[in-house]
N, C-alpha and C. Protein backbone atom coordinates (compact mmCIF):
# COMPACT_ATOMS: atom_id res chain seq x y z
N UNK A 1 3.91 -26.80 -4.12
CA UNK A 1 2.80 -26.88 -5.15
C UNK A 1 3.03 -26.14 -6.20
N UNK A 2 2.80 -26.70 -7.19
CA UNK A 2 2.70 -25.58 -8.59
C UNK A 2 1.53 -26.18 -9.43
N UNK A 3 1.08 -25.19 -10.28
CA UNK A 3 0.03 -25.02 -10.79
C UNK A 3 0.17 -24.56 -12.09
N UNK A 4 -0.57 -24.83 -13.03
CA UNK A 4 -0.62 -24.29 -14.39
C UNK A 4 -1.93 -23.51 -14.90
N UNK A 5 -1.90 -22.34 -14.88
CA UNK A 5 -3.42 -22.05 -15.64
C UNK A 5 -3.34 -20.97 -16.50
N UNK A 6 -4.44 -20.39 -17.15
CA UNK A 6 -4.45 -19.41 -17.85
C UNK A 6 -4.88 -18.36 -17.16
N UNK A 7 -4.66 -17.08 -17.89
CA UNK A 7 -5.13 -15.63 -17.41
C UNK A 7 -6.63 -15.86 -17.41
N UNK A 8 -7.19 -15.06 -16.30
CA UNK A 8 -8.63 -15.20 -15.77
C UNK A 8 -8.93 -16.23 -15.26
N UNK A 9 -8.05 -17.61 -15.22
CA UNK A 9 -8.60 -18.76 -14.50
C UNK A 9 -8.63 -18.45 -13.06
N UNK A 10 -7.73 -17.82 -12.38
CA UNK A 10 -7.59 -17.35 -10.83
C UNK A 10 -8.36 -16.05 -10.60
N UNK A 11 -9.18 -16.08 -10.19
CA UNK A 11 -9.82 -14.89 -9.52
C UNK A 11 -9.61 -14.23 -7.98
N UNK A 12 -9.11 -15.42 -7.18
CA UNK A 12 -8.49 -14.69 -5.94
C UNK A 12 -7.50 -15.62 -5.39
N UNK A 13 -6.63 -15.05 -4.85
CA UNK A 13 -5.89 -15.63 -3.93
C UNK A 13 -6.24 -15.47 -2.08
N UNK A 14 -6.52 -16.19 -1.48
CA UNK A 14 -6.66 -15.72 0.03
C UNK A 14 -5.24 -16.60 0.58
N UNK A 15 -5.09 -15.73 1.49
CA UNK A 15 -3.96 -15.99 2.57
C UNK A 15 -4.23 -16.04 3.70
N UNK A 16 -3.81 -17.31 4.63
CA UNK A 16 -3.81 -17.74 5.84
C UNK A 16 -2.52 -17.93 6.48
N UNK A 17 -2.61 -17.22 7.70
CA UNK A 17 -1.44 -17.56 8.81
C UNK A 17 -1.72 -17.74 9.78
N UNK A 18 -1.33 -19.09 10.32
CA UNK A 18 -1.55 -19.90 11.79
C UNK A 18 -3.43 -19.65 11.49
N UNK A 19 -3.85 -20.27 10.78
CA UNK A 19 -5.15 -20.47 10.64
C UNK A 19 -6.26 -19.20 10.94
N UNK A 20 -5.65 -17.92 10.44
CA UNK A 20 -6.26 -16.52 10.61
C UNK A 20 -6.08 -15.96 9.47
N UNK A 21 -7.48 -15.93 8.75
CA UNK A 21 -7.28 -14.95 7.13
C UNK A 21 -6.62 -13.73 7.32
N UNK A 22 -5.54 -13.37 6.61
CA UNK A 22 -4.79 -12.56 6.60
C UNK A 22 -5.09 -11.46 5.36
N UNK A 23 -5.62 -11.84 4.31
CA UNK A 23 -6.14 -10.91 3.32
C UNK A 23 -5.97 -11.63 1.83
N UNK A 24 -5.42 -10.93 1.03
CA UNK A 24 -5.37 -11.69 -0.72
C UNK A 24 -4.21 -11.08 -1.01
N UNK A 25 -3.76 -12.03 -2.35
CA UNK A 25 -2.86 -11.69 -3.18
C UNK A 25 -3.12 -10.96 -4.32
N UNK A 26 -2.74 -10.22 -4.98
CA UNK A 26 -3.14 -9.89 -6.41
C UNK A 26 -2.93 -10.88 -7.42
N UNK A 27 -3.88 -11.29 -8.48
CA UNK A 27 -3.26 -12.02 -9.21
C UNK A 27 -2.71 -11.96 -10.45
N UNK A 28 -1.78 -10.57 -10.42
CA UNK A 28 -0.98 -10.25 -11.37
C UNK A 28 0.28 -10.40 -10.61
N UNK A 29 1.44 -10.80 -11.36
CA UNK A 29 2.62 -11.40 -10.87
C UNK A 29 3.51 -10.43 -10.48
N UNK A 30 3.48 -9.31 -11.08
CA UNK A 30 4.09 -8.16 -10.97
C UNK A 30 4.12 -7.39 -9.59
N UNK A 31 3.00 -7.79 -8.70
CA UNK A 31 2.45 -7.12 -7.60
C UNK A 31 2.94 -8.32 -6.01
N UNK A 32 3.69 -7.48 -5.05
CA UNK A 32 4.01 -8.17 -4.04
C UNK A 32 3.02 -7.66 -2.69
N UNK A 33 3.23 -8.35 -1.75
CA UNK A 33 2.23 -8.05 -0.57
C UNK A 33 2.97 -8.70 0.93
N UNK A 34 3.24 -8.13 1.74
CA UNK A 34 3.72 -8.64 2.93
C UNK A 34 2.41 -8.79 3.86
N UNK A 35 2.60 -9.90 4.51
CA UNK A 35 1.77 -10.12 5.70
C UNK A 35 2.29 -10.62 7.07
N UNK A 36 2.02 -9.88 7.92
CA UNK A 36 2.66 -10.27 9.44
C UNK A 36 2.08 -11.68 9.96
N UNK A 37 3.09 -12.27 10.37
CA UNK A 37 2.70 -13.60 11.41
C UNK A 37 2.88 -13.22 12.53
N UNK A 38 3.84 -14.16 13.38
CA UNK A 38 3.85 -14.12 14.64
C UNK A 38 5.88 -14.77 14.72
N UNK A 39 6.21 -14.20 15.90
CA UNK A 39 7.59 -14.59 16.19
C UNK A 39 7.99 -15.75 15.71
N UNK A 40 9.00 -16.53 15.17
CA UNK A 40 9.02 -17.96 15.34
C UNK A 40 8.68 -18.44 13.75
N UNK A 41 7.98 -19.79 13.67
CA UNK A 41 7.46 -20.47 13.05
C UNK A 41 6.07 -20.15 12.61
N UNK A 42 5.53 -19.74 11.43
CA UNK A 42 4.19 -19.69 11.03
C UNK A 42 3.81 -20.90 9.82
N UNK A 43 2.60 -21.01 10.23
CA UNK A 43 1.70 -21.65 8.77
C UNK A 43 1.12 -21.28 8.08
N UNK A 44 1.68 -21.14 6.69
CA UNK A 44 1.17 -20.23 5.87
C UNK A 44 0.38 -21.28 4.73
N UNK A 45 -0.68 -20.84 4.35
CA UNK A 45 -1.55 -21.41 3.53
C UNK A 45 -1.78 -20.40 2.23
N UNK A 46 -2.09 -20.73 0.75
CA UNK A 46 -2.63 -19.90 0.18
C UNK A 46 -3.47 -20.66 -0.58
N UNK A 47 -4.62 -20.11 -0.66
CA UNK A 47 -5.92 -21.01 -1.82
C UNK A 47 -6.37 -20.18 -2.63
N UNK A 48 -6.51 -20.42 -3.90
CA UNK A 48 -6.92 -20.06 -4.94
C UNK A 48 -7.98 -20.18 -5.31
N UNK A 49 -8.96 -19.16 -5.62
CA UNK A 49 -10.27 -19.19 -6.06
C UNK A 49 -10.14 -19.54 -7.46
N UNK A 50 -10.96 -20.21 -8.24
CA UNK A 50 -10.98 -20.08 -9.44
C UNK A 50 -12.11 -19.65 -10.30
N UNK A 51 -12.20 -19.27 -11.50
CA UNK A 51 -13.61 -18.74 -12.18
C UNK A 51 -14.92 -19.64 -12.24
N UNK A 52 -14.60 -20.65 -12.36
CA UNK A 52 -15.62 -21.88 -12.12
C UNK A 52 -16.09 -22.16 -10.80
N UNK A 53 -15.47 -21.42 -9.80
CA UNK A 53 -16.00 -21.52 -8.35
C UNK A 53 -15.21 -22.42 -7.59
N UNK A 54 -14.45 -23.38 -7.93
CA UNK A 54 -13.62 -24.14 -7.53
C UNK A 54 -12.43 -23.37 -6.48
N UNK A 55 -12.09 -24.07 -5.47
CA UNK A 55 -11.08 -23.51 -4.50
C UNK A 55 -10.13 -24.53 -4.55
N UNK A 56 -8.54 -24.18 -4.64
CA UNK A 56 -7.61 -25.22 -4.28
C UNK A 56 -6.60 -24.61 -3.51
N UNK A 57 -5.81 -25.55 -2.52
CA UNK A 57 -4.66 -25.00 -1.95
C UNK A 57 -3.46 -24.55 -3.16
N UNK A 58 -2.95 -23.76 -3.13
CA UNK A 58 -2.05 -23.66 -4.35
C UNK A 58 -0.13 -23.46 -3.48
N UNK A 59 -0.46 -23.19 -1.97
CA UNK A 59 0.66 -23.06 -1.27
C UNK A 59 0.64 -23.54 0.07
N UNK A 60 1.46 -24.48 0.69
CA UNK A 60 1.28 -24.71 1.84
C UNK A 60 2.52 -24.60 2.43
N UNK A 61 2.98 -23.98 3.66
CA UNK A 61 4.15 -24.34 4.49
C UNK A 61 3.73 -24.38 6.23
N UNK A 62 3.49 -25.83 6.26
CA UNK A 62 3.26 -26.35 7.58
C UNK A 62 4.63 -25.78 8.43
N UNK A 63 4.00 -25.02 9.79
CA UNK A 63 4.76 -24.93 10.69
C UNK A 63 5.60 -26.22 11.05
N UNK A 64 6.93 -26.19 11.03
CA UNK A 64 7.58 -26.81 12.05
C UNK A 64 7.60 -27.40 12.94
């Protein structure tokens, strides 16, 4: 999934792995972060929270 927005549109990126909230990502594209999953395949979902209060899934990698 891809999304186009302007600076400041996204206020938070929440990461869930296997239905457990793992933390947040920086909205700065130069910052990275690693989250622990389980051995084997993991279901990863990133939800963006927008300045207007809306939320949307911006990345989903369902476990196979």
